[in-house]
Every structure is written in structure tokens, then in C-alpha cells.
Amino acid sequence: MAALTNALQALGARAKQTVMRQPNAVKALHNAVRDAVENQASELTKPGPQIDALLTAMSAVDAAALGIDDVQRPGACTYLGIVEHADYAIAAFVLAPHAKIPLHDHPHMTVLSKVVRGSLQVTSFDVGADGKARRSSSIMTSADGPAALFPCQDNVHEFQAGADGACVLDVIVPP
């Protein structure tokens, strides 16, 4: 158990150190999120130019920028806190092959996600204007751009990693 704890602490420290490197796509993403939250927080609850700017900054982040190319997964799902702030969080989740993050939601939150390694099957549930539930499913890979979910859109969802596992980067406002 101590070895697992040490491995998780080392992974978290390594992920946080990536923010301090210059130039770095993770640092640029952090700056963009910080500035958006400080200056345009009310605009981060719906699609628009502020979200587009964050998605663009997020597009530049890959597994190498996170320093996790060779991460050994000590469990089915490992959380790596990169930036934890009262108003936002930037984190990565490393999933073992076929691991699942069960059905969950993010009440009153906007979440931007980008698969930086591997693939994820994403299943989302919404209530349409007609009051009927809708289910959608898609595969996200590291070749895809980032995606956004909003307080009232695609908020209830689950993830399942593909055969090679996955690493997904999240920006959560507010955390």
C-alpha cells in the first residue's frame, strides 16, 4: 500500500511540475483559464468565444506536455491534480485499459475535456426541449480536439477507456 501511495504522490508532483515549465502548453492553458475565470466567469456557462479560446489553448496540450508519456497506472483510474484553485481545476485522469468512470454529473459546472492518450467511449444523457431523455454515445481519441459540457448540456455522462487505456485532461469551472 505504501508503494502505491508513493507512486500516486510522485505522479501528482510530476504533473504539477509541468505547469512551472516555460514555454509549455499546460502553462498557457492555465493562464488562459485563470484569465477567463477572473475576467469573464459569467460567460463560461455556455458556448461562445470565451469557451472557444479555452478549447484552442487546450488543443495544444498533449501527453508529452503533461509529462505522462510513460506513466505506469497503479490502479483502474488515477487522478492527477495539476492546478487546484477555488474557482477552477485542471486535472488529468489516467485510465487503465477498459476502466470505467461510472455515470456521474457536474452540477452547475462547465467541463472541458481532451483525450491526450488512448481512447474513451463517452455516453451522455440529456433532457430535450420536449422533456424526453436523450442518450448519445461517441468515441473520443487523442486525435480529436477537446469537447465541452455545460451545466445543461451533456452533463450526465460516463467514460470507458479503450483497449490501450486513456488519459483525459479536464478543465472544470468551478471545481
Protein backbone atom coordinates (compact mmCIF):
# COMPACT_ATOMS: atom_id res chain seq x y z
CA MET A 1 0.00 0.00 0.00
CA ALA A 2 2.87 2.39 0.79
CA ALA A 3 4.36 1.79 -2.67
CA LEU A 4 1.02 2.67 -4.30
CA THR A 5 0.73 5.84 -2.21
CA ASN A 6 4.29 6.84 -3.10
CA ALA A 7 3.63 6.20 -6.80
CA LEU A 8 0.47 8.35 -6.73
CA GLN A 9 2.26 11.17 -4.91
CA ALA A 10 5.12 11.06 -7.42
CA LEU A 11 2.67 11.19 -10.35
CA GLY A 12 0.84 14.17 -8.84
CA ALA A 13 4.08 16.05 -8.16
CA ARG A 14 5.30 15.35 -11.69
CA ALA A 15 2.05 16.64 -13.21
CA LYS A 16 2.16 19.83 -11.12
CA GLN A 17 5.77 20.46 -12.14
CA THR A 18 4.71 20.62 -15.78
CA VAL A 19 2.84 23.85 -15.04
CA MET A 20 6.07 25.54 -13.99
CA ARG A 21 7.97 24.85 -17.25
CA GLN A 22 8.19 27.62 -19.85
CA PRO A 23 7.23 27.56 -22.66
CA ASN A 24 4.62 24.95 -22.02
CA ALA A 25 1.15 24.30 -23.40
CA VAL A 26 -0.06 23.41 -19.89
CA LYS A 27 1.14 26.75 -18.51
CA ALA A 28 -0.54 28.56 -21.42
CA LEU A 29 -3.77 26.67 -20.71
CA HIS A 30 -3.54 27.56 -17.02
CA ASN A 31 -3.03 31.24 -17.87
CA ALA A 32 -6.00 31.21 -20.27
CA VAL A 33 -8.27 29.54 -17.69
CA ARG A 34 -7.16 31.88 -14.91
CA ASP A 35 -7.71 34.97 -17.08
CA ALA A 36 -11.12 33.76 -18.31
CA VAL A 37 -12.32 33.00 -14.78
CA GLU A 38 -11.08 36.36 -13.48
CA ASN A 39 -12.49 38.45 -16.35
CA GLN A 40 -15.38 36.52 -17.94
CA ALA A 41 -16.64 33.91 -15.47
CA SER A 42 -20.30 34.50 -16.34
CA GLU A 43 -19.55 33.67 -20.00
CA LEU A 44 -18.13 30.23 -19.16
CA THR A 45 -21.51 28.56 -18.65
CA LYS A 46 -22.46 28.40 -22.33
CA PRO A 47 -20.86 28.04 -25.76
CA GLY A 48 -19.19 31.21 -27.02
CA PRO A 49 -15.89 32.91 -27.83
CA GLN A 50 -14.53 32.52 -24.29
CA ILE A 51 -15.07 28.76 -24.36
CA ASP A 52 -13.64 28.61 -27.90
CA ALA A 53 -10.46 30.34 -26.68
CA LEU A 54 -10.06 27.81 -23.85
CA LEU A 55 -10.67 24.90 -26.22
CA THR A 56 -7.98 26.31 -28.52
CA ALA A 57 -5.50 26.56 -25.63
CA MET A 58 -6.41 23.03 -24.57
CA SER A 59 -5.81 21.73 -28.12
CA ALA A 60 -2.08 22.41 -27.72
CA VAL A 61 -1.76 20.10 -24.69
CA ASP A 62 -0.64 16.54 -25.33
CA ALA A 63 0.68 13.69 -23.19
CA ALA A 64 4.26 14.92 -23.59
CA ALA A 65 3.31 18.41 -22.34
CA LEU A 66 1.78 16.78 -19.28
CA GLY A 67 4.91 14.70 -18.75
CA ILE A 68 2.91 11.48 -18.61
CA ASP A 69 4.06 9.59 -21.70
CA ASP A 70 5.40 6.74 -19.60
CA VAL A 71 3.06 6.80 -16.61
CA GLN A 72 2.51 3.43 -15.01
CA ARG A 73 -1.11 3.18 -13.90
CA PRO A 74 -1.20 1.99 -10.31
CA GLY A 75 -4.98 1.43 -10.43
CA ALA A 76 -8.01 1.43 -12.73
CA CYS A 77 -8.30 5.24 -12.59
CA THR A 78 -5.65 7.64 -11.31
CA TYR A 79 -6.40 11.32 -10.63
CA LEU A 80 -3.58 13.79 -11.25
CA GLY A 81 -4.37 17.25 -9.85
CA ILE A 82 -2.41 19.77 -11.92
CA VAL A 83 -3.94 23.08 -10.77
CA GLU A 84 -6.42 23.22 -7.93
CA HIS A 85 -7.92 26.67 -7.36
CA ALA A 86 -11.09 27.77 -5.58
CA ASP A 87 -12.63 28.84 -8.92
CA TYR A 88 -11.30 26.19 -11.32
CA ALA A 89 -9.32 22.98 -11.57
CA ILE A 90 -7.09 21.44 -14.21
CA ALA A 91 -6.59 17.71 -13.81
CA ALA A 92 -5.82 14.55 -15.73
CA PHE A 93 -7.36 11.13 -15.27
CA VAL A 94 -5.30 8.11 -16.32
CA LEU A 95 -7.48 5.08 -17.00
CA ALA A 96 -6.28 1.51 -17.37
CA PRO A 97 -7.50 -0.49 -20.39
CA HIS A 98 -11.30 -0.85 -20.32
CA ALA A 99 -11.53 1.02 -16.99
CA LYS A 100 -14.75 2.92 -16.42
CA ILE A 101 -15.66 6.19 -14.73
CA PRO A 102 -19.28 5.47 -13.81
CA LEU A 103 -22.30 7.59 -14.66
CA HIS A 104 -21.96 10.98 -12.96
CA ASP A 105 -22.71 14.65 -13.44
CA HIS A 106 -21.14 18.03 -12.72
CA PRO A 107 -23.93 20.20 -11.27
CA HIS A 108 -23.54 23.90 -12.09
CA MET A 109 -20.17 23.25 -13.76
CA THR A 110 -18.62 23.62 -17.18
CA VAL A 111 -16.11 20.89 -18.02
CA LEU A 112 -13.72 20.91 -20.95
CA SER A 113 -12.14 17.54 -21.76
CA LYS A 114 -9.44 16.37 -24.12
CA VAL A 115 -8.16 12.84 -24.56
CA VAL A 116 -4.37 13.18 -24.65
CA ARG A 117 -3.61 9.46 -24.95
CA GLY A 118 -5.66 6.43 -25.96
CA SER A 119 -9.41 6.47 -26.45
CA LEU A 120 -12.63 6.83 -24.45
CA GLN A 121 -16.18 5.86 -25.15
CA VAL A 122 -18.34 8.70 -23.85
CA THR A 123 -22.03 8.12 -23.16
CA SER A 124 -24.08 11.23 -22.31
CA PHE A 125 -27.68 11.80 -21.27
CA ASP A 126 -29.76 14.97 -21.70
CA VAL A 127 -33.37 16.04 -21.46
CA GLY A 128 -34.62 17.53 -24.70
CA ALA A 129 -36.93 20.52 -25.12
CA ASP A 130 -39.78 18.02 -25.40
CA GLY A 131 -38.98 16.70 -21.91
CA LYS A 132 -37.79 13.33 -23.20
CA ALA A 133 -34.45 11.82 -22.23
CA ARG A 134 -31.83 11.51 -24.95
CA ARG A 135 -28.77 9.28 -24.96
CA SER A 136 -25.72 9.84 -27.12
CA SER A 137 -22.51 7.88 -27.42
CA SER A 138 -19.22 8.72 -29.10
CA ILE A 139 -15.59 7.71 -29.15
CA MET A 140 -13.00 10.37 -28.27
CA THR A 141 -9.35 9.78 -29.16
CA SER A 142 -6.13 11.69 -28.78
CA ALA A 143 -6.52 12.70 -32.46
CA ASP A 144 -9.73 14.58 -31.63
CA GLY A 145 -9.97 18.10 -30.34
CA PRO A 146 -11.33 18.95 -26.91
CA ALA A 147 -15.03 18.83 -26.05
CA ALA A 148 -17.18 20.89 -23.70
CA LEU A 149 -20.07 20.02 -21.46
CA PHE A 150 -22.20 22.68 -19.83
CA PRO A 151 -24.49 22.75 -16.81
CA CYS A 152 -27.49 21.91 -19.02
CA GLN A 153 -25.85 20.00 -21.88
CA ASP A 154 -24.17 16.56 -21.87
CA ASN A 155 -23.73 16.90 -18.12
CA VAL A 156 -24.73 13.37 -17.10
CA HIS A 157 -22.15 11.03 -18.62
CA GLU A 158 -19.82 8.07 -18.20
CA PHE A 159 -16.45 7.13 -19.69
CA GLN A 160 -14.91 3.81 -20.61
CA ALA A 161 -11.29 3.58 -21.74
CA GLY A 162 -10.38 1.68 -24.86
CA ALA A 163 -8.13 -1.37 -25.16
CA ASP A 164 -4.96 0.70 -24.64
CA GLY A 165 -6.34 2.77 -21.75
CA ALA A 166 -6.66 6.54 -21.84
CA CYS A 167 -5.56 9.79 -20.33
CA VAL A 168 -8.07 12.63 -20.34
CA LEU A 169 -7.30 16.24 -19.43
CA ASP A 170 -10.12 18.19 -17.77
CA VAL A 171 -10.68 21.86 -17.04
CA ILE A 172 -13.51 22.26 -14.52
CA VAL A 173 -15.15 25.64 -13.76
CA PRO A 174 -15.98 25.87 -10.90
CA PRO A 175 -14.45 22.72 -9.42
